[in-house]
Amino acid sequence: IFWWVIIILSVASAGMLAQKFYYRHKQANMRTLVISSQYPSWKTPLPALTICHPVIASRERLDKYEREVGK
């Protein structure tokens, strides 16, 4: 019964927080526009620089990656 009480309190708290955030969003003078939710994930920009430990990074794989990206 203890876990049921915890679960019910958690769901109720989450609902109250969602309602509060929705109310704040509604009261703020903003407009939200979603043009399309079909944006391909491969078009999302990645970080330009990633630093790897020299033991983890393979020179052959790095050269192969540079050849593929350089096309």
PDB file of N, CA and C in Angstrom:
ATOM      1  N   ILE A   1       0.820  -1.193   0.000  1.00  0.00           N
ATOM      2  CA  ILE A   1       0.000   0.000   0.000  1.00  0.00           C
ATOM      3  C   ILE A   1       0.865   1.260   0.000  1.00  0.00           C
ATOM      4  N   PHE A   2       2.047   1.171   0.601  1.00  0.00           N
ATOM      5  CA  PHE A   2       2.965   2.312   0.627  1.00  0.00           C
ATOM      6  C   PHE A   2       3.317   2.760  -0.788  1.00  0.00           C
ATOM      7  N   TRP A   3       3.630   1.795  -1.658  1.00  0.00           N
ATOM      8  CA  TRP A   3       4.028   2.152  -3.029  1.00  0.00           C
ATOM      9  C   TRP A   3       2.857   2.716  -3.830  1.00  0.00           C
ATOM     10  N   TRP A   4       1.658   2.251  -3.552  1.00  0.00           N
ATOM     11  CA  TRP A   4       0.493   2.824  -4.240  1.00  0.00           C
ATOM     12  C   TRP A   4       0.315   4.290  -3.868  1.00  0.00           C
ATOM     13  N   VAL A   5       0.528   4.601  -2.610  1.00  0.00           N
ATOM     14  CA  VAL A   5       0.424   5.993  -2.161  1.00  0.00           C
ATOM     15  C   VAL A   5       1.497   6.844  -2.841  1.00  0.00           C
ATOM     16  N   ILE A   6       2.707   6.323  -2.915  1.00  0.00           N
ATOM     17  CA  ILE A   6       3.805   7.047  -3.571  1.00  0.00           C
ATOM     18  C   ILE A   6       3.485   7.280  -5.045  1.00  0.00           C
ATOM     19  N   ILE A   7       2.988   6.257  -5.728  1.00  0.00           N
ATOM     20  CA  ILE A   7       2.662   6.381  -7.158  1.00  0.00           C
ATOM     21  C   ILE A   7       1.546   7.400  -7.373  1.00  0.00           C
ATOM     22  N   ILE A   8       0.505   7.320  -6.558  1.00  0.00           N
ATOM     23  CA  ILE A   8      -0.623   8.252  -6.699  1.00  0.00           C
ATOM     24  C   ILE A   8      -0.171   9.687  -6.425  1.00  0.00           C
ATOM     25  N   LEU A   9       0.637   9.884  -5.399  1.00  0.00           N
ATOM     26  CA  LEU A   9       1.151  11.223  -5.107  1.00  0.00           C
ATOM     27  C   LEU A   9       2.041  11.739  -6.235  1.00  0.00           C
ATOM     28  N   SER A  10       2.842  10.864  -6.819  1.00  0.00           N
ATOM     29  CA  SER A  10       3.718  11.267  -7.920  1.00  0.00           C
ATOM     30  C   SER A  10       2.918  11.686  -9.143  1.00  0.00           C
ATOM     31  N   VAL A  11       1.910  10.908  -9.496  1.00  0.00           N
ATOM     32  CA  VAL A  11       1.078  11.239 -10.660  1.00  0.00           C
ATOM     33  C   VAL A  11       0.312  12.537 -10.408  1.00  0.00           C
ATOM     34  N   ALA A  12      -0.221  12.691  -9.209  1.00  0.00           N
ATOM     35  CA  ALA A  12      -0.951  13.921  -8.879  1.00  0.00           C
ATOM     36  C   ALA A  12      -0.023  15.135  -8.922  1.00  0.00           C
ATOM     37  N   SER A  13       1.178  14.995  -8.395  1.00  0.00           N
ATOM     38  CA  SER A  13       2.141  16.101  -8.427  1.00  0.00           C
ATOM     39  C   SER A  13       2.537  16.451  -9.852  1.00  0.00           C
ATOM     40  N   ALA A  14       2.759  15.439 -10.675  1.00  0.00           N
ATOM     41  CA  ALA A  14       3.107  15.695 -12.074  1.00  0.00           C
ATOM     42  C   ALA A  14       1.971  16.412 -12.794  1.00  0.00           C
ATOM     43  N   GLY A  15       0.745  16.009 -12.529  1.00  0.00           N
ATOM     44  CA  GLY A  15      -0.406  16.677 -13.134  1.00  0.00           C
ATOM     45  C   GLY A  15      -0.528  18.127 -12.694  1.00  0.00           C
ATOM     46  N   MET A  16      -0.300  18.375 -11.406  1.00  0.00           N
ATOM     47  CA  MET A  16      -0.373  19.748 -10.906  1.00  0.00           C
ATOM     48  C   MET A  16       0.724  20.614 -11.511  1.00  0.00           C
ATOM     49  N   LEU A  17       1.935  20.065 -11.634  1.00  0.00           N
ATOM     50  CA  LEU A  17       3.022  20.822 -12.254  1.00  0.00           C
ATOM     51  C   LEU A  17       2.730  21.109 -13.717  1.00  0.00           C
ATOM     52  N   ALA A  18       2.213  20.123 -14.436  1.00  0.00           N
ATOM     53  CA  ALA A  18       1.877  20.330 -15.846  1.00  0.00           C
ATOM     54  C   ALA A  18       0.814  21.408 -15.988  1.00  0.00           C
ATOM     55  N   GLN A  19      -0.180  21.385 -15.118  1.00  0.00           N
ATOM     56  CA  GLN A  19      -1.232  22.398 -15.155  1.00  0.00           C
ATOM     57  C   GLN A  19      -0.661  23.785 -14.858  1.00  0.00           C
ATOM     58  N   LYS A  20       0.238  23.861 -13.889  1.00  0.00           N
ATOM     59  CA  LYS A  20       0.849  25.141 -13.531  1.00  0.00           C
ATOM     60  C   LYS A  20       1.690  25.684 -14.684  1.00  0.00           C
ATOM     61  N   PHE A  21       2.496  24.821 -15.313  1.00  0.00           N
ATOM     62  CA  PHE A  21       3.312  25.259 -16.444  1.00  0.00           C
ATOM     63  C   PHE A  21       2.442  25.684 -17.624  1.00  0.00           C
ATOM     64  N   TYR A  22       1.355  24.967 -17.859  1.00  0.00           N
ATOM     65  CA  TYR A  22       0.446  25.339 -18.950  1.00  0.00           C
ATOM     66  C   TYR A  22      -0.190  26.693 -18.667  1.00  0.00           C
ATOM     67  N   TYR A  23      -0.597  26.920 -17.434  1.00  0.00           N
ATOM     68  CA  TYR A  23      -1.201  28.197 -17.064  1.00  0.00           C
ATOM     69  C   TYR A  23      -0.199  29.334 -17.258  1.00  0.00           C
ATOM     70  N   ARG A  24       1.059  29.135 -16.817  1.00  0.00           N
ATOM     71  CA  ARG A  24       2.088  30.162 -16.996  1.00  0.00           C
ATOM     72  C   ARG A  24       2.357  30.419 -18.472  1.00  0.00           C
ATOM     73  N   HIS A  25       2.383  29.360 -19.261  1.00  0.00           N
ATOM     74  CA  HIS A  25       2.610  29.513 -20.700  1.00  0.00           C
ATOM     75  C   HIS A  25       1.462  30.288 -21.336  1.00  0.00           C
ATOM     76  N   LYS A  26       0.255  29.994 -20.892  1.00  0.00           N
ATOM     77  CA  LYS A  26      -0.925  30.664 -21.440  1.00  0.00           C
ATOM     78  C   LYS A  26      -0.958  32.140 -21.041  1.00  0.00           C
ATOM     79  N   GLN A  27      -0.526  32.456 -19.823  1.00  0.00           N
ATOM     80  CA  GLN A  27      -0.531  33.838 -19.341  1.00  0.00           C
ATOM     81  C   GLN A  27       0.582  34.675 -19.967  1.00  0.00           C
ATOM     82  N   ALA A  28       1.693  34.040 -20.319  1.00  0.00           N
ATOM     83  CA  ALA A  28       2.787  34.768 -20.963  1.00  0.00           C
ATOM     84  C   ALA A  28       2.337  35.140 -22.372  1.00  0.00           C
ATOM     85  N   ASN A  29       2.756  36.285 -22.819  1.00  0.00           N
ATOM     86  CA  ASN A  29       2.318  36.750 -24.126  1.00  0.00           C
ATOM     87  C   ASN A  29       3.256  36.192 -25.202  1.00  0.00           C
ATOM     88  N   MET A  30       3.186  34.885 -25.437  1.00  0.00           N
ATOM     89  CA  MET A  30       4.012  34.243 -26.455  1.00  0.00           C
ATOM     90  C   MET A  30       3.134  33.441 -27.385  1.00  0.00           C
ATOM     91  N   ARG A  31       3.673  33.219 -28.538  1.00  0.00           N
ATOM     92  CA  ARG A  31       2.990  32.365 -29.498  1.00  0.00           C
ATOM     93  C   ARG A  31       3.947  31.247 -29.886  1.00  0.00           C
ATOM     94  N   THR A  32       3.423  30.048 -29.970  1.00  0.00           N
ATOM     95  CA  THR A  32       4.216  28.897 -30.361  1.00  0.00           C
ATOM     96  C   THR A  32       3.708  28.404 -31.698  1.00  0.00           C
ATOM     97  N   LEU A  33       4.623  28.215 -32.626  1.00  0.00           N
ATOM     98  CA  LEU A  33       4.255  27.752 -33.956  1.00  0.00           C
ATOM     99  C   LEU A  33       5.146  26.579 -34.328  1.00  0.00           C
ATOM    100  N   VAL A  34       4.535  25.456 -34.636  1.00  0.00           N
ATOM    101  CA  VAL A  34       5.270  24.291 -35.108  1.00  0.00           C
ATOM    102  C   VAL A  34       4.957  24.141 -36.583  1.00  0.00           C
ATOM    103  N   ILE A  35       5.968  24.358 -37.414  1.00  0.00           N
ATOM    104  CA  ILE A  35       5.749  24.272 -38.856  1.00  0.00           C
ATOM    105  C   ILE A  35       5.633  22.817 -39.276  1.00  0.00           C
ATOM    106  N   SER A  36       6.561  22.000 -38.804  1.00  0.00           N
ATOM    107  CA  SER A  36       6.529  20.588 -39.156  1.00  0.00           C
ATOM    108  C   SER A  36       7.222  19.783 -38.075  1.00  0.00           C
ATOM    109  N   SER A  37       6.635  18.671 -37.740  1.00  0.00           N
ATOM    110  CA  SER A  37       7.285  17.774 -36.782  1.00  0.00           C
ATOM    111  C   SER A  37       8.038  16.669 -37.511  1.00  0.00           C
ATOM    112  N   GLN A  38       8.153  16.788 -38.820  1.00  0.00           N
ATOM    113  CA  GLN A  38       8.802  15.761 -39.635  1.00  0.00           C
ATOM    114  C   GLN A  38      10.235  16.152 -39.986  1.00  0.00           C
ATOM    115  N   TYR A  39      10.933  16.852 -39.093  1.00  0.00           N
ATOM    116  CA  TYR A  39      12.304  17.291 -39.363  1.00  0.00           C
ATOM    117  C   TYR A  39      13.245  16.100 -39.234  1.00  0.00           C
ATOM    118  N   PRO A  40      14.033  15.806 -40.270  1.00  0.00           N
ATOM    119  CA  PRO A  40      14.924  14.642 -40.216  1.00  0.00           C
ATOM    120  C   PRO A  40      16.059  14.836 -39.209  1.00  0.00           C
ATOM    121  N   SER A  41      16.354  13.804 -38.465  1.00  0.00           N
ATOM    122  CA  SER A  41      17.363  13.903 -37.417  1.00  0.00           C
ATOM    123  C   SER A  41      18.764  14.108 -37.971  1.00  0.00           C
ATOM    124  N   TRP A  42      19.030  13.674 -39.197  1.00  0.00           N
ATOM    125  CA  TRP A  42      20.374  13.831 -39.748  1.00  0.00           C
ATOM    126  C   TRP A  42      20.663  15.277 -40.138  1.00  0.00           C
ATOM    127  N   LYS A  43      19.670  16.135 -40.151  1.00  0.00           N
ATOM    128  CA  LYS A  43      19.895  17.550 -40.452  1.00  0.00           C
ATOM    129  C   LYS A  43      20.163  18.369 -39.189  1.00  0.00           C
ATOM    130  N   THR A  44      20.053  17.757 -38.036  1.00  0.00           N
ATOM    131  CA  THR A  44      20.338  18.446 -36.791  1.00  0.00           C
ATOM    132  C   THR A  44      21.844  18.645 -36.680  1.00  0.00           C
ATOM    133  N   PRO A  45      22.313  19.882 -36.478  1.00  0.00           N
ATOM    134  CA  PRO A  45      23.760  20.112 -36.428  1.00  0.00           C
ATOM    135  C   PRO A  45      24.383  19.460 -35.190  1.00  0.00           C
ATOM    136  N   LEU A  46      25.538  18.881 -35.399  1.00  0.00           N
ATOM    137  CA  LEU A  46      26.288  18.254 -34.319  1.00  0.00           C
ATOM    138  C   LEU A  46      27.404  19.196 -33.884  1.00  0.00           C
ATOM    139  N   PRO A  47      28.009  18.958 -32.744  1.00  0.00           N
ATOM    140  CA  PRO A  47      29.134  19.808 -32.334  1.00  0.00           C
ATOM    141  C   PRO A  47      30.252  19.765 -33.379  1.00  0.00           C
ATOM    142  N   ALA A  48      30.893  20.894 -33.580  1.00  0.00           N
ATOM    143  CA  ALA A  48      31.926  20.992 -34.608  1.00  0.00           C
ATOM    144  C   ALA A  48      33.216  20.308 -34.185  1.00  0.00           C
ATOM    145  N   LEU A  49      33.449  20.167 -32.901  1.00  0.00           N
ATOM    146  CA  LEU A  49      34.712  19.620 -32.431  1.00  0.00           C
ATOM    147  C   LEU A  49      34.445  18.635 -31.303  1.00  0.00           C
ATOM    148  N   THR A  50      35.027  17.460 -31.424  1.00  0.00           N
ATOM    149  CA  THR A  50      34.937  16.458 -30.376  1.00  0.00           C
ATOM    150  C   THR A  50      36.352  16.025 -30.027  1.00  0.00           C
ATOM    151  N   ILE A  51      36.699  16.090 -28.767  1.00  0.00           N
ATOM    152  CA  ILE A  51      38.045  15.715 -28.338  1.00  0.00           C
ATOM    153  C   ILE A  51      37.987  14.306 -27.773  1.00  0.00           C
ATOM    154  N   CYS A  52      38.792  13.418 -28.349  1.00  0.00           N
ATOM    155  CA  CYS A  52      38.837  12.020 -27.910  1.00  0.00           C
ATOM    156  C   CYS A  52      40.205  11.718 -27.322  1.00  0.00           C
ATOM    157  N   HIS A  53      40.223  10.797 -26.410  1.00  0.00           N
ATOM    158  CA  HIS A  53      41.486  10.318 -25.863  1.00  0.00           C
ATOM    159  C   HIS A  53      42.242   9.615 -26.986  1.00  0.00           C
ATOM    160  N   PRO A  54      43.562   9.803 -27.109  1.00  0.00           N
ATOM    161  CA  PRO A  54      44.309   9.223 -28.236  1.00  0.00           C
ATOM    162  C   PRO A  54      44.243   7.701 -28.306  1.00  0.00           C
ATOM    163  N   VAL A  55      44.031   7.048 -27.185  1.00  0.00           N
ATOM    164  CA  VAL A  55      43.950   5.592 -27.208  1.00  0.00           C
ATOM    165  C   VAL A  55      42.608   5.150 -27.794  1.00  0.00           C
ATOM    166  N   ILE A  56      41.567   5.927 -27.572  1.00  0.00           N
ATOM    167  CA  ILE A  56      40.235   5.571 -28.049  1.00  0.00           C
ATOM    168  C   ILE A  56      40.083   5.869 -29.534  1.00  0.00           C
ATOM    169  N   ALA A  57      40.600   7.009 -29.990  1.00  0.00           N
ATOM    170  CA  ALA A  57      40.449   7.406 -31.388  1.00  0.00           C
ATOM    171  C   ALA A  57      41.396   6.593 -32.268  1.00  0.00           C
ATOM    172  N   SER A  58      40.859   6.045 -33.338  1.00  0.00           N
ATOM    173  CA  SER A  58      41.655   5.257 -34.275  1.00  0.00           C
ATOM    174  C   SER A  58      42.002   6.132 -35.474  1.00  0.00           C
ATOM    175  N   ARG A  59      43.263   6.184 -35.826  1.00  0.00           N
ATOM    176  CA  ARG A  59      43.708   7.011 -36.954  1.00  0.00           C
ATOM    177  C   ARG A  59      43.056   6.549 -38.256  1.00  0.00           C
ATOM    178  N   GLU A  60      42.923   5.237 -38.442  1.00  0.00           N
ATOM    179  CA  GLU A  60      42.317   4.720 -39.670  1.00  0.00           C
ATOM    180  C   GLU A  60      40.851   5.138 -39.773  1.00  0.00           C
ATOM    181  N   ARG A  61      40.134   5.041 -38.674  1.00  0.00           N
ATOM    182  CA  ARG A  61      38.725   5.438 -38.683  1.00  0.00           C
ATOM    183  C   ARG A  61      38.580   6.941 -38.914  1.00  0.00           C
ATOM    184  N   LEU A  62      39.469   7.722 -38.317  1.00  0.00           N
ATOM    185  CA  LEU A  62      39.430   9.164 -38.514  1.00  0.00           C
ATOM    186  C   LEU A  62      39.693   9.519 -39.976  1.00  0.00           C
ATOM    187  N   ASP A  63      40.683   8.873 -40.590  1.00  0.00           N
ATOM    188  CA  ASP A  63      40.963   9.120 -42.008  1.00  0.00           C
ATOM    189  C   ASP A  63      39.774   8.732 -42.874  1.00  0.00           C
ATOM    190  N   LYS A  64      39.145   7.601 -42.571  1.00  0.00           N
ATOM    191  CA  LYS A  64      37.968   7.160 -43.329  1.00  0.00           C
ATOM    192  C   LYS A  64      36.830   8.167 -43.172  1.00  0.00           C
ATOM    193  N   TYR A  65      36.618   8.658 -41.945  1.00  0.00           N
ATOM    194  CA  TYR A  65      35.564   9.644 -41.698  1.00  0.00           C
ATOM    195  C   TYR A  65      35.838  10.937 -42.465  1.00  0.00           C
ATOM    196  N   GLU A  66      37.086  11.393 -42.452  1.00  0.00           N
ATOM    197  CA  GLU A  66      37.432  12.621 -43.171  1.00  0.00           C
ATOM    198  C   GLU A  66      37.207  12.466 -44.670  1.00  0.00           C
ATOM    199  N   ARG A  67      37.493  11.288 -45.214  1.00  0.00           N
ATOM    200  CA  ARG A  67      37.256  11.058 -46.648  1.00  0.00           C
ATOM    201  C   ARG A  67      35.761  11.084 -46.954  1.00  0.00           C
ATOM    202  N   GLU A  68      34.943  10.487 -46.077  1.00  0.00           N
ATOM    203  CA  GLU A  68      33.497  10.451 -46.305  1.00  0.00           C
ATOM    204  C   GLU A  68      32.869  11.837 -46.174  1.00  0.00           C
ATOM    205  N   VAL A  69      33.282  12.596 -45.190  1.00  0.00           N
ATOM    206  CA  VAL A  69      32.706  13.918 -44.957  1.00  0.00           C
ATOM    207  C   VAL A  69      33.217  14.918 -45.988  1.00  0.00           C
ATOM    208  N   GLY A  70      34.422  14.733 -46.448  1.00  0.00           N
ATOM    209  CA  GLY A  70      35.019  15.666 -47.394  1.00  0.00           C
ATOM    210  C   GLY A  70      34.429  15.609 -48.785  1.00  0.00           C
ATOM    211  N   LYS A  71      33.522  14.681 -49.037  1.00  0.00           N
ATOM    212  CA  LYS A  71      32.935  14.547 -50.380  1.00  0.00           C
ATOM    213  C   LYS A  71      32.078  15.718 -50.745  1.00  0.00           C
TER     214      LYS A  71
END
